[in-house]
Amino acid sequence: MSPATTLTELGAARFVMAIDKMLAVYTAAMNPAASQLAGRRSIMARHATNPGFRALAVLDGDGEPVAFSYGFHGESGQWWHDMVNYALSSSAGAAEAGHWLSDSFEVAELHVTPAYQHQGLGRSLLYRLTADLDEPSALLSTHDSESPARHLYRSAGFVDLLTAFRFSGGDPPYAVMGAALPLRDVRS
């Protein structure tokens, strides 16, 4: 962690109050089409109501977020959980899907603004977000490409559960990844 930054935990109410700032971090990191931002904002606010919601932010010296991550307990009835459960059950069987999804923590978002990337902030967020959880596993989805994010997840013990997976709505293809908790550093 850079000496000019501070990692802080946000409660759901504080996260929702800062959602536009988190959305600015998301925009800087992901460069989405402007037409997607209202929907993303709505999704992020809805996620803050999920059970076990946990959010972290990395703040710069002025107290502005430069990175954030959040997640929550995954359960039936949640869109992502149900989509992944169906696909994993179809490809690997209900037992395998149940192993990963019956009691899991979903890492929903993890983003770092470009100026702060490659400084270990994403790793710090990921490990802190998933620390001290009751769930035995964590799951996430990321673009199905050899990206720095995918490398980070693999180095933390995440393995591919689904690849070339397309959520309803189409592109791009995603990889759904899972890891046993607590995370372990598997870098060689």
N, C-alpha and C. Protein backbone atom coordinates (compact mmCIF):
# COMPACT_ATOMS: atom_id res chain seq x y z
N MET A 1 0.86 -1.17 0.00
CA MET A 1 0.00 0.00 0.00
C MET A 1 0.89 1.23 0.00
N SER A 2 0.57 2.15 -0.86
CA SER A 2 1.32 3.39 -0.96
C SER A 2 1.17 4.19 0.33
N PRO A 3 2.24 4.86 0.80
CA PRO A 3 2.13 5.63 2.04
C PRO A 3 1.13 6.77 1.94
N ALA A 4 0.80 7.20 0.74
CA ALA A 4 -0.14 8.31 0.57
C ALA A 4 -1.59 7.83 0.50
N THR A 5 -1.83 6.55 0.74
CA THR A 5 -3.19 6.02 0.67
C THR A 5 -3.57 5.36 1.99
N THR A 6 -4.89 5.27 2.19
CA THR A 6 -5.44 4.64 3.39
C THR A 6 -6.55 3.69 2.97
N LEU A 7 -6.53 2.48 3.48
CA LEU A 7 -7.59 1.51 3.21
C LEU A 7 -8.61 1.63 4.34
N THR A 8 -9.88 1.79 3.97
CA THR A 8 -10.93 1.94 4.97
C THR A 8 -12.12 1.06 4.64
N GLU A 9 -12.77 0.56 5.68
CA GLU A 9 -13.98 -0.24 5.49
C GLU A 9 -15.18 0.69 5.49
N LEU A 10 -16.10 0.43 4.59
CA LEU A 10 -17.32 1.23 4.47
C LEU A 10 -18.51 0.37 4.84
N GLY A 11 -19.40 0.87 5.62
CA GLY A 11 -20.67 0.19 5.83
C GLY A 11 -21.54 0.41 4.61
N ALA A 12 -22.66 -0.29 4.55
CA ALA A 12 -23.54 -0.18 3.39
C ALA A 12 -24.03 1.25 3.20
N ALA A 13 -24.43 1.92 4.26
CA ALA A 13 -24.95 3.29 4.13
C ALA A 13 -23.86 4.24 3.63
N ARG A 14 -22.67 4.11 4.15
CA ARG A 14 -21.55 4.97 3.73
C ARG A 14 -21.18 4.68 2.27
N PHE A 15 -21.23 3.41 1.88
CA PHE A 15 -20.95 3.04 0.50
C PHE A 15 -21.96 3.70 -0.44
N VAL A 16 -23.24 3.59 -0.10
CA VAL A 16 -24.29 4.17 -0.95
C VAL A 16 -24.13 5.69 -1.04
N MET A 17 -23.76 6.33 0.07
CA MET A 17 -23.55 7.78 0.04
C MET A 17 -22.39 8.17 -0.88
N ALA A 18 -21.41 7.28 -1.00
CA ALA A 18 -20.23 7.55 -1.83
C ALA A 18 -20.29 6.86 -3.19
N ILE A 19 -21.46 6.36 -3.58
CA ILE A 19 -21.56 5.52 -4.77
C ILE A 19 -21.11 6.25 -6.04
N ASP A 20 -21.37 7.55 -6.14
CA ASP A 20 -20.95 8.27 -7.35
C ASP A 20 -19.43 8.34 -7.43
N LYS A 21 -18.76 8.44 -6.30
CA LYS A 21 -17.29 8.43 -6.30
C LYS A 21 -16.76 7.04 -6.65
N MET A 22 -17.45 6.00 -6.17
CA MET A 22 -17.04 4.64 -6.51
C MET A 22 -17.27 4.40 -8.00
N LEU A 23 -18.36 4.93 -8.51
CA LEU A 23 -18.66 4.81 -9.94
C LEU A 23 -17.60 5.53 -10.78
N ALA A 24 -17.05 6.61 -10.27
CA ALA A 24 -15.97 7.31 -10.99
C ALA A 24 -14.71 6.44 -11.04
N VAL A 25 -14.42 5.72 -9.96
CA VAL A 25 -13.28 4.79 -9.95
C VAL A 25 -13.54 3.68 -10.96
N TYR A 26 -14.74 3.12 -10.94
CA TYR A 26 -15.13 2.07 -11.89
C TYR A 26 -14.96 2.56 -13.33
N THR A 27 -15.41 3.77 -13.60
CA THR A 27 -15.34 4.34 -14.95
C THR A 27 -13.88 4.51 -15.38
N ALA A 28 -13.05 5.02 -14.48
CA ALA A 28 -11.63 5.21 -14.81
C ALA A 28 -10.95 3.88 -15.09
N ALA A 29 -11.30 2.86 -14.32
CA ALA A 29 -10.66 1.55 -14.46
C ALA A 29 -11.18 0.76 -15.65
N MET A 30 -12.47 0.84 -15.92
CA MET A 30 -13.10 -0.04 -16.91
C MET A 30 -13.47 0.64 -18.23
N ASN A 31 -13.56 1.96 -18.24
CA ASN A 31 -13.90 2.71 -19.43
C ASN A 31 -15.18 2.19 -20.11
N PRO A 32 -16.27 2.09 -19.34
CA PRO A 32 -17.51 1.58 -19.94
C PRO A 32 -18.19 2.65 -20.80
N ALA A 33 -19.12 2.22 -21.60
CA ALA A 33 -19.93 3.16 -22.37
C ALA A 33 -20.75 3.99 -21.38
N ALA A 34 -20.89 5.26 -21.65
CA ALA A 34 -21.65 6.16 -20.77
C ALA A 34 -23.07 5.66 -20.56
N SER A 35 -23.62 5.00 -21.55
CA SER A 35 -25.00 4.50 -21.45
C SER A 35 -25.15 3.39 -20.40
N GLN A 36 -24.05 2.80 -19.95
CA GLN A 36 -24.10 1.72 -18.97
C GLN A 36 -24.04 2.21 -17.53
N LEU A 37 -23.68 3.46 -17.32
CA LEU A 37 -23.40 3.94 -15.97
C LEU A 37 -24.62 4.00 -15.06
N ALA A 38 -25.77 4.41 -15.57
CA ALA A 38 -26.97 4.47 -14.73
C ALA A 38 -27.34 3.07 -14.25
N GLY A 39 -27.26 2.09 -15.13
CA GLY A 39 -27.55 0.72 -14.74
C GLY A 39 -26.55 0.19 -13.73
N ARG A 40 -25.27 0.50 -13.93
CA ARG A 40 -24.22 0.07 -13.00
C ARG A 40 -24.45 0.69 -11.62
N ARG A 41 -24.81 1.96 -11.60
CA ARG A 41 -25.09 2.65 -10.33
C ARG A 41 -26.22 1.96 -9.60
N SER A 42 -27.28 1.64 -10.32
CA SER A 42 -28.43 0.96 -9.72
C SER A 42 -28.05 -0.42 -9.17
N ILE A 43 -27.25 -1.16 -9.92
CA ILE A 43 -26.80 -2.48 -9.47
C ILE A 43 -25.96 -2.35 -8.20
N MET A 44 -25.06 -1.40 -8.18
CA MET A 44 -24.20 -1.22 -7.01
C MET A 44 -25.03 -0.87 -5.77
N ALA A 45 -26.00 0.01 -5.93
CA ALA A 45 -26.87 0.38 -4.80
C ALA A 45 -27.67 -0.83 -4.33
N ARG A 46 -28.18 -1.62 -5.25
CA ARG A 46 -28.94 -2.83 -4.88
C ARG A 46 -28.05 -3.83 -4.16
N HIS A 47 -26.82 -3.99 -4.62
CA HIS A 47 -25.90 -4.93 -3.97
C HIS A 47 -25.66 -4.56 -2.51
N ALA A 48 -25.69 -3.28 -2.18
CA ALA A 48 -25.45 -2.83 -0.80
C ALA A 48 -26.53 -3.33 0.16
N THR A 49 -27.65 -3.83 -0.37
CA THR A 49 -28.72 -4.35 0.49
C THR A 49 -28.61 -5.86 0.69
N ASN A 50 -27.66 -6.51 0.02
CA ASN A 50 -27.52 -7.96 0.12
C ASN A 50 -26.94 -8.35 1.48
N PRO A 51 -27.27 -9.57 1.94
CA PRO A 51 -26.74 -10.03 3.23
C PRO A 51 -25.22 -10.13 3.20
N GLY A 52 -24.60 -9.78 4.31
CA GLY A 52 -23.15 -9.90 4.42
C GLY A 52 -22.39 -8.90 3.58
N PHE A 53 -23.04 -7.79 3.16
CA PHE A 53 -22.37 -6.79 2.33
C PHE A 53 -21.16 -6.24 3.06
N ARG A 54 -20.06 -6.17 2.34
CA ARG A 54 -18.81 -5.64 2.89
C ARG A 54 -18.14 -4.84 1.78
N ALA A 55 -17.73 -3.60 2.10
CA ALA A 55 -17.10 -2.74 1.10
C ALA A 55 -15.86 -2.09 1.70
N LEU A 56 -14.85 -1.94 0.86
CA LEU A 56 -13.59 -1.31 1.22
C LEU A 56 -13.25 -0.27 0.17
N ALA A 57 -12.57 0.78 0.60
CA ALA A 57 -12.07 1.78 -0.35
C ALA A 57 -10.65 2.15 0.03
N VAL A 58 -9.86 2.46 -0.98
CA VAL A 58 -8.54 3.03 -0.77
C VAL A 58 -8.67 4.50 -1.08
N LEU A 59 -8.30 5.33 -0.10
CA LEU A 59 -8.42 6.77 -0.24
C LEU A 59 -7.04 7.40 -0.43
N ASP A 60 -6.98 8.43 -1.28
CA ASP A 60 -5.72 9.14 -1.47
C ASP A 60 -5.53 10.13 -0.32
N GLY A 61 -4.49 10.91 -0.37
CA GLY A 61 -4.18 11.86 0.69
C GLY A 61 -5.25 12.92 0.92
N ASP A 62 -6.09 13.15 -0.08
CA ASP A 62 -7.19 14.12 0.04
C ASP A 62 -8.49 13.45 0.47
N GLY A 63 -8.43 12.15 0.75
CA GLY A 63 -9.63 11.43 1.17
C GLY A 63 -10.54 11.00 0.04
N GLU A 64 -10.05 11.06 -1.19
CA GLU A 64 -10.84 10.65 -2.35
C GLU A 64 -10.53 9.20 -2.72
N PRO A 65 -11.54 8.41 -3.07
CA PRO A 65 -11.28 7.01 -3.42
C PRO A 65 -10.50 6.86 -4.72
N VAL A 66 -9.50 5.98 -4.69
CA VAL A 66 -8.72 5.65 -5.88
C VAL A 66 -8.87 4.16 -6.21
N ALA A 67 -9.51 3.43 -5.32
CA ALA A 67 -9.76 2.00 -5.52
C ALA A 67 -10.88 1.59 -4.58
N PHE A 68 -11.62 0.56 -4.97
CA PHE A 68 -12.64 0.03 -4.07
C PHE A 68 -12.93 -1.42 -4.43
N SER A 69 -13.52 -2.09 -3.48
CA SER A 69 -13.99 -3.45 -3.69
C SER A 69 -15.16 -3.70 -2.77
N TYR A 70 -16.07 -4.56 -3.21
CA TYR A 70 -17.15 -4.97 -2.31
C TYR A 70 -17.64 -6.34 -2.70
N GLY A 71 -18.34 -6.94 -1.79
CA GLY A 71 -18.93 -8.25 -2.02
C GLY A 71 -19.97 -8.53 -0.96
N PHE A 72 -20.53 -9.73 -1.02
CA PHE A 72 -21.62 -10.09 -0.12
C PHE A 72 -21.83 -11.60 -0.17
N HIS A 73 -22.66 -12.09 0.73
CA HIS A 73 -22.99 -13.51 0.75
C HIS A 73 -23.85 -13.82 -0.47
N GLY A 74 -23.43 -14.79 -1.27
CA GLY A 74 -24.20 -15.19 -2.44
C GLY A 74 -25.30 -16.15 -2.05
N GLU A 75 -26.47 -15.98 -2.64
CA GLU A 75 -27.57 -16.89 -2.33
C GLU A 75 -28.57 -16.94 -3.48
N SER A 76 -29.35 -17.98 -3.46
CA SER A 76 -30.38 -18.18 -4.48
C SER A 76 -31.29 -16.96 -4.52
N GLY A 77 -31.68 -16.56 -5.73
CA GLY A 77 -32.52 -15.39 -5.91
C GLY A 77 -31.73 -14.17 -6.35
N GLN A 78 -30.41 -14.22 -6.22
CA GLN A 78 -29.56 -13.14 -6.72
C GLN A 78 -29.20 -13.46 -8.17
N TRP A 79 -29.29 -12.46 -9.03
CA TRP A 79 -29.12 -12.67 -10.47
C TRP A 79 -27.81 -13.39 -10.80
N TRP A 80 -26.67 -12.88 -10.34
CA TRP A 80 -25.37 -13.47 -10.67
C TRP A 80 -25.29 -14.90 -10.14
N HIS A 81 -25.67 -15.08 -8.91
CA HIS A 81 -25.63 -16.40 -8.28
C HIS A 81 -26.45 -17.41 -9.09
N ASP A 82 -27.66 -17.04 -9.46
CA ASP A 82 -28.53 -17.96 -10.20
C ASP A 82 -28.00 -18.26 -11.59
N MET A 83 -27.46 -17.25 -12.28
CA MET A 83 -26.88 -17.48 -13.61
C MET A 83 -25.70 -18.45 -13.54
N VAL A 84 -24.82 -18.22 -12.57
CA VAL A 84 -23.63 -19.06 -12.43
C VAL A 84 -24.03 -20.46 -11.96
N ASN A 85 -24.97 -20.55 -11.04
CA ASN A 85 -25.42 -21.86 -10.57
C ASN A 85 -25.96 -22.71 -11.72
N TYR A 86 -26.78 -22.11 -12.55
CA TYR A 86 -27.35 -22.84 -13.69
C TYR A 86 -26.24 -23.31 -14.64
N ALA A 87 -25.33 -22.40 -14.99
CA ALA A 87 -24.26 -22.74 -15.94
C ALA A 87 -23.31 -23.78 -15.36
N LEU A 88 -22.94 -23.63 -14.10
CA LEU A 88 -22.01 -24.58 -13.49
C LEU A 88 -22.67 -25.94 -13.28
N SER A 89 -23.94 -25.94 -12.91
CA SER A 89 -24.67 -27.21 -12.78
C SER A 89 -24.73 -27.93 -14.12
N SER A 90 -24.95 -27.16 -15.19
CA SER A 90 -25.05 -27.75 -16.53
C SER A 90 -23.72 -28.31 -17.00
N SER A 91 -22.61 -27.63 -16.67
CA SER A 91 -21.32 -28.07 -17.19
C SER A 91 -20.58 -29.04 -16.27
N ALA A 92 -20.72 -28.88 -14.97
CA ALA A 92 -19.93 -29.69 -14.04
C ALA A 92 -20.77 -30.55 -13.11
N GLY A 93 -22.08 -30.33 -13.13
CA GLY A 93 -22.97 -31.11 -12.28
C GLY A 93 -23.43 -30.33 -11.06
N ALA A 94 -24.58 -30.75 -10.54
CA ALA A 94 -25.18 -30.05 -9.40
C ALA A 94 -24.31 -30.13 -8.15
N ALA A 95 -23.62 -31.25 -7.95
CA ALA A 95 -22.78 -31.39 -6.76
C ALA A 95 -21.64 -30.37 -6.78
N GLU A 96 -21.00 -30.20 -7.94
CA GLU A 96 -19.90 -29.23 -8.05
C GLU A 96 -20.42 -27.81 -7.86
N ALA A 97 -21.56 -27.51 -8.47
CA ALA A 97 -22.15 -26.18 -8.30
C ALA A 97 -22.49 -25.94 -6.83
N GLY A 98 -23.06 -26.93 -6.19
CA GLY A 98 -23.40 -26.80 -4.78
C GLY A 98 -22.17 -26.61 -3.91
N HIS A 99 -21.09 -27.31 -4.25
CA HIS A 99 -19.84 -27.16 -3.50
C HIS A 99 -19.39 -25.70 -3.49
N TRP A 100 -19.46 -25.05 -4.63
CA TRP A 100 -18.98 -23.68 -4.74
C TRP A 100 -20.00 -22.65 -4.31
N LEU A 101 -21.27 -22.89 -4.57
CA LEU A 101 -22.27 -21.83 -4.43
C LEU A 101 -23.17 -21.94 -3.21
N SER A 102 -23.17 -23.06 -2.52
CA SER A 102 -24.13 -23.21 -1.42
C SER A 102 -23.84 -22.28 -0.25
N ASP A 103 -22.60 -21.89 -0.05
CA ASP A 103 -22.23 -20.99 1.05
C ASP A 103 -20.98 -20.23 0.62
N SER A 104 -21.18 -19.19 -0.18
CA SER A 104 -20.04 -18.49 -0.76
C SER A 104 -20.16 -16.98 -0.59
N PHE A 105 -19.02 -16.33 -0.71
CA PHE A 105 -18.94 -14.88 -0.72
C PHE A 105 -18.68 -14.46 -2.15
N GLU A 106 -19.49 -13.57 -2.66
CA GLU A 106 -19.31 -13.08 -4.03
C GLU A 106 -18.53 -11.77 -4.02
N VAL A 107 -17.36 -11.79 -4.63
CA VAL A 107 -16.59 -10.56 -4.83
C VAL A 107 -17.21 -9.90 -6.06
N ALA A 108 -18.03 -8.89 -5.84
CA ALA A 108 -18.80 -8.30 -6.93
C ALA A 108 -18.01 -7.29 -7.74
N GLU A 109 -17.19 -6.49 -7.09
CA GLU A 109 -16.42 -5.46 -7.78
C GLU A 109 -15.07 -5.31 -7.11
N LEU A 110 -14.05 -5.04 -7.92
CA LEU A 110 -12.72 -4.67 -7.44
C LEU A 110 -12.09 -3.84 -8.55
N HIS A 111 -11.88 -2.54 -8.27
CA HIS A 111 -11.37 -1.63 -9.31
C HIS A 111 -10.35 -0.67 -8.72
N VAL A 112 -9.33 -0.38 -9.51
CA VAL A 112 -8.27 0.55 -9.13
C VAL A 112 -8.09 1.53 -10.28
N THR A 113 -8.06 2.81 -9.98
CA THR A 113 -7.84 3.80 -11.05
C THR A 113 -6.47 3.58 -11.68
N PRO A 114 -6.32 3.85 -12.96
CA PRO A 114 -5.07 3.57 -13.65
C PRO A 114 -3.82 4.15 -12.98
N ALA A 115 -3.88 5.35 -12.45
CA ALA A 115 -2.70 5.96 -11.83
C ALA A 115 -2.23 5.21 -10.59
N TYR A 116 -3.09 4.38 -10.01
CA TYR A 116 -2.74 3.64 -8.79
C TYR A 116 -2.60 2.14 -9.02
N GLN A 117 -2.70 1.71 -10.27
CA GLN A 117 -2.55 0.28 -10.56
C GLN A 117 -1.09 -0.14 -10.43
N HIS A 118 -0.88 -1.44 -10.24
CA HIS A 118 0.46 -2.05 -10.13
C HIS A 118 1.21 -1.59 -8.89
N GLN A 119 0.46 -1.27 -7.83
CA GLN A 119 1.05 -0.87 -6.56
C GLN A 119 0.62 -1.80 -5.42
N GLY A 120 -0.10 -2.87 -5.76
CA GLY A 120 -0.55 -3.80 -4.74
C GLY A 120 -1.88 -3.46 -4.09
N LEU A 121 -2.55 -2.41 -4.57
CA LEU A 121 -3.82 -2.02 -3.97
C LEU A 121 -4.91 -3.06 -4.21
N GLY A 122 -4.97 -3.58 -5.44
CA GLY A 122 -5.98 -4.60 -5.74
C GLY A 122 -5.79 -5.83 -4.87
N ARG A 123 -4.56 -6.27 -4.71
CA ARG A 123 -4.25 -7.43 -3.87
C ARG A 123 -4.65 -7.15 -2.42
N SER A 124 -4.30 -5.97 -1.92
CA SER A 124 -4.66 -5.62 -0.55
C SER A 124 -6.17 -5.62 -0.36
N LEU A 125 -6.88 -5.05 -1.31
CA LEU A 125 -8.35 -5.04 -1.23
C LEU A 125 -8.91 -6.45 -1.24
N LEU A 126 -8.44 -7.28 -2.15
CA LEU A 126 -8.96 -8.64 -2.29
C LEU A 126 -8.75 -9.45 -1.01
N TYR A 127 -7.55 -9.40 -0.46
CA TYR A 127 -7.26 -10.18 0.74
C TYR A 127 -8.03 -9.64 1.95
N ARG A 128 -8.10 -8.33 2.08
CA ARG A 128 -8.81 -7.75 3.22
C ARG A 128 -10.31 -7.98 3.10
N LEU A 129 -10.86 -7.87 1.89
CA LEU A 129 -12.30 -8.06 1.69
C LEU A 129 -12.73 -9.47 2.08
N THR A 130 -11.89 -10.45 1.79
CA THR A 130 -12.26 -11.86 2.03
C THR A 130 -11.72 -12.40 3.35
N ALA A 131 -11.08 -11.56 4.15
CA ALA A 131 -10.54 -12.01 5.44
C ALA A 131 -11.65 -12.16 6.46
N ASP A 132 -11.51 -13.14 7.32
CA ASP A 132 -12.40 -13.32 8.47
C ASP A 132 -13.87 -13.52 8.09
N LEU A 133 -14.10 -14.17 6.98
CA LEU A 133 -15.47 -14.47 6.57
C LEU A 133 -15.88 -15.86 7.06
N ASP A 134 -17.16 -16.07 7.23
CA ASP A 134 -17.67 -17.38 7.63
C ASP A 134 -17.78 -18.33 6.43
N GLU A 135 -17.95 -17.76 5.23
CA GLU A 135 -18.09 -18.60 4.04
C GLU A 135 -16.79 -19.34 3.75
N PRO A 136 -16.88 -20.59 3.28
CA PRO A 136 -15.67 -21.35 2.97
C PRO A 136 -15.07 -21.04 1.60
N SER A 137 -15.80 -20.29 0.75
CA SER A 137 -15.28 -20.00 -0.58
C SER A 137 -15.69 -18.62 -1.04
N ALA A 138 -14.93 -18.12 -2.00
CA ALA A 138 -15.23 -16.83 -2.64
C ALA A 138 -15.32 -17.08 -4.13
N LEU A 139 -16.22 -16.37 -4.79
CA LEU A 139 -16.39 -16.47 -6.23
C LEU A 139 -16.40 -15.07 -6.83
N LEU A 140 -16.05 -15.01 -8.11
CA LEU A 140 -16.06 -13.75 -8.83
C LEU A 140 -16.11 -14.04 -10.31
N SER A 141 -16.38 -13.00 -11.09
CA SER A 141 -16.27 -13.12 -12.54
C SER A 141 -15.40 -11.97 -13.03
N THR A 142 -14.67 -12.27 -14.09
CA THR A 142 -13.77 -11.29 -14.69
C THR A 142 -13.73 -11.56 -16.19
N HIS A 143 -13.30 -10.59 -16.95
CA HIS A 143 -13.20 -10.81 -18.40
C HIS A 143 -12.33 -12.04 -18.65
N ASP A 144 -12.76 -12.85 -19.58
CA ASP A 144 -12.04 -14.08 -19.91
C ASP A 144 -10.89 -13.76 -20.85
N SER A 145 -9.85 -13.15 -20.28
CA SER A 145 -8.65 -12.80 -21.03
C SER A 145 -7.48 -12.86 -20.06
N GLU A 146 -6.31 -12.88 -20.61
CA GLU A 146 -5.11 -12.90 -19.74
C GLU A 146 -4.78 -11.46 -19.35
N SER A 147 -5.47 -10.97 -18.36
CA SER A 147 -5.35 -9.59 -17.90
C SER A 147 -4.63 -9.54 -16.56
N PRO A 148 -4.20 -8.36 -16.14
CA PRO A 148 -3.62 -8.23 -14.80
C PRO A 148 -4.60 -8.68 -13.70
N ALA A 149 -5.89 -8.41 -13.89
CA ALA A 149 -6.88 -8.85 -12.89
C ALA A 149 -6.91 -10.37 -12.79
N ARG A 150 -6.94 -11.02 -13.91
CA ARG A 150 -6.99 -12.51 -13.92
C ARG A 150 -5.72 -13.07 -13.27
N HIS A 151 -4.58 -12.46 -13.55
CA HIS A 151 -3.33 -12.88 -12.93
C HIS A 151 -3.40 -12.72 -11.41
N LEU A 152 -3.93 -11.59 -10.96
CA LEU A 152 -4.09 -11.36 -9.52
C LEU A 152 -4.94 -12.46 -8.90
N TYR A 153 -6.08 -12.74 -9.49
CA TYR A 153 -6.98 -13.74 -8.92
C TYR A 153 -6.33 -15.12 -8.88
N ARG A 154 -5.67 -15.49 -9.95
CA ARG A 154 -4.98 -16.79 -9.96
C ARG A 154 -3.90 -16.85 -8.88
N SER A 155 -3.16 -15.76 -8.70
CA SER A 155 -2.08 -15.75 -7.71
C SER A 155 -2.61 -15.79 -6.29
N ALA A 156 -3.90 -15.51 -6.12
CA ALA A 156 -4.53 -15.58 -4.80
C ALA A 156 -5.24 -16.91 -4.59
N GLY A 157 -5.11 -17.84 -5.54
CA GLY A 157 -5.69 -19.16 -5.38
C GLY A 157 -6.99 -19.40 -6.10
N PHE A 158 -7.48 -18.42 -6.84
CA PHE A 158 -8.72 -18.62 -7.61
C PHE A 158 -8.44 -19.52 -8.81
N VAL A 159 -9.39 -20.40 -9.10
CA VAL A 159 -9.31 -21.29 -10.24
C VAL A 159 -10.53 -21.05 -11.13
N ASP A 160 -10.37 -21.36 -12.41
CA ASP A 160 -11.48 -21.21 -13.35
C ASP A 160 -12.54 -22.26 -13.09
N LEU A 161 -13.77 -21.81 -12.94
CA LEU A 161 -14.92 -22.71 -12.84
C LEU A 161 -15.68 -22.74 -14.16
N LEU A 162 -15.76 -21.60 -14.81
CA LEU A 162 -16.39 -21.47 -16.13
C LEU A 162 -15.53 -20.53 -16.96
N THR A 163 -15.36 -20.82 -18.21
CA THR A 163 -14.67 -19.90 -19.12
C THR A 163 -15.56 -19.67 -20.33
N ALA A 164 -15.27 -18.61 -21.05
CA ALA A 164 -16.06 -18.24 -22.23
C ALA A 164 -17.55 -18.15 -21.88
N PHE A 165 -17.83 -17.74 -20.66
CA PHE A 165 -19.21 -17.65 -20.16
C PHE A 165 -19.79 -16.29 -20.52
N ARG A 166 -20.98 -16.30 -21.06
CA ARG A 166 -21.66 -15.06 -21.42
C ARG A 166 -22.91 -14.91 -20.56
N PHE A 167 -22.91 -13.85 -19.77
CA PHE A 167 -24.11 -13.54 -19.00
C PHE A 167 -25.19 -13.10 -19.95
N SER A 168 -26.44 -13.16 -19.51
CA SER A 168 -27.51 -12.69 -20.39
C SER A 168 -27.23 -11.24 -20.73
N GLY A 169 -27.36 -10.92 -21.97
CA GLY A 169 -27.00 -9.59 -22.42
C GLY A 169 -25.80 -9.62 -23.34
N GLY A 170 -25.09 -10.77 -23.39
CA GLY A 170 -24.07 -10.92 -24.42
C GLY A 170 -22.63 -10.77 -24.02
N ASP A 171 -21.95 -9.87 -24.70
CA ASP A 171 -20.50 -9.75 -24.61
C ASP A 171 -20.09 -8.94 -23.39
N PRO A 172 -18.86 -9.03 -23.00
CA PRO A 172 -17.81 -9.92 -23.46
C PRO A 172 -17.88 -11.26 -22.74
N PRO A 173 -17.07 -12.24 -23.17
CA PRO A 173 -17.05 -13.51 -22.44
C PRO A 173 -16.33 -13.32 -21.09
N TYR A 174 -16.82 -14.03 -20.10
CA TYR A 174 -16.27 -13.95 -18.74
C TYR A 174 -15.72 -15.29 -18.31
N ALA A 175 -14.84 -15.23 -17.33
CA ALA A 175 -14.40 -16.40 -16.58
C ALA A 175 -15.02 -16.26 -15.19
N VAL A 176 -15.63 -17.32 -14.71
CA VAL A 176 -16.10 -17.37 -13.33
C VAL A 176 -15.06 -18.16 -12.57
N MET A 177 -14.59 -17.57 -11.47
CA MET A 177 -13.49 -18.16 -10.71
C MET A 177 -13.91 -18.37 -9.26
N GLY A 178 -13.33 -19.38 -8.63
CA GLY A 178 -13.61 -19.65 -7.24
C GLY A 178 -12.34 -19.96 -6.48
N ALA A 179 -12.35 -19.69 -5.18
CA ALA A 179 -11.19 -19.98 -4.33
C ALA A 179 -11.68 -20.38 -2.95
N ALA A 180 -10.96 -21.29 -2.33
CA ALA A 180 -11.22 -21.63 -0.94
C ALA A 180 -10.74 -20.46 -0.08
N LEU A 181 -11.44 -20.22 1.01
CA LEU A 181 -11.05 -19.19 1.96
C LEU A 181 -10.45 -19.83 3.20
N PRO A 182 -9.46 -19.21 3.83
CA PRO A 182 -8.88 -17.92 3.46
C PRO A 182 -8.02 -18.06 2.20
N LEU A 183 -7.91 -16.92 1.49
CA LEU A 183 -7.09 -16.91 0.29
C LEU A 183 -5.65 -17.22 0.64
N ARG A 184 -4.96 -17.83 -0.30
CA ARG A 184 -3.54 -18.15 -0.10
C ARG A 184 -2.76 -17.61 -1.29
N ASP A 185 -1.57 -17.16 -1.03
CA ASP A 185 -0.72 -16.62 -2.08
C ASP A 185 -0.04 -17.79 -2.77
N VAL A 186 -0.33 -17.99 -4.05
CA VAL A 186 0.24 -19.11 -4.80
C VAL A 186 1.23 -18.65 -5.86
N ARG A 187 1.72 -17.41 -5.69
CA ARG A 187 2.72 -16.91 -6.64
C ARG A 187 3.99 -17.74 -6.49
N SER A 188 4.63 -17.99 -7.63
CA SER A 188 5.89 -18.74 -7.58
C SER A 188 7.07 -17.87 -7.90
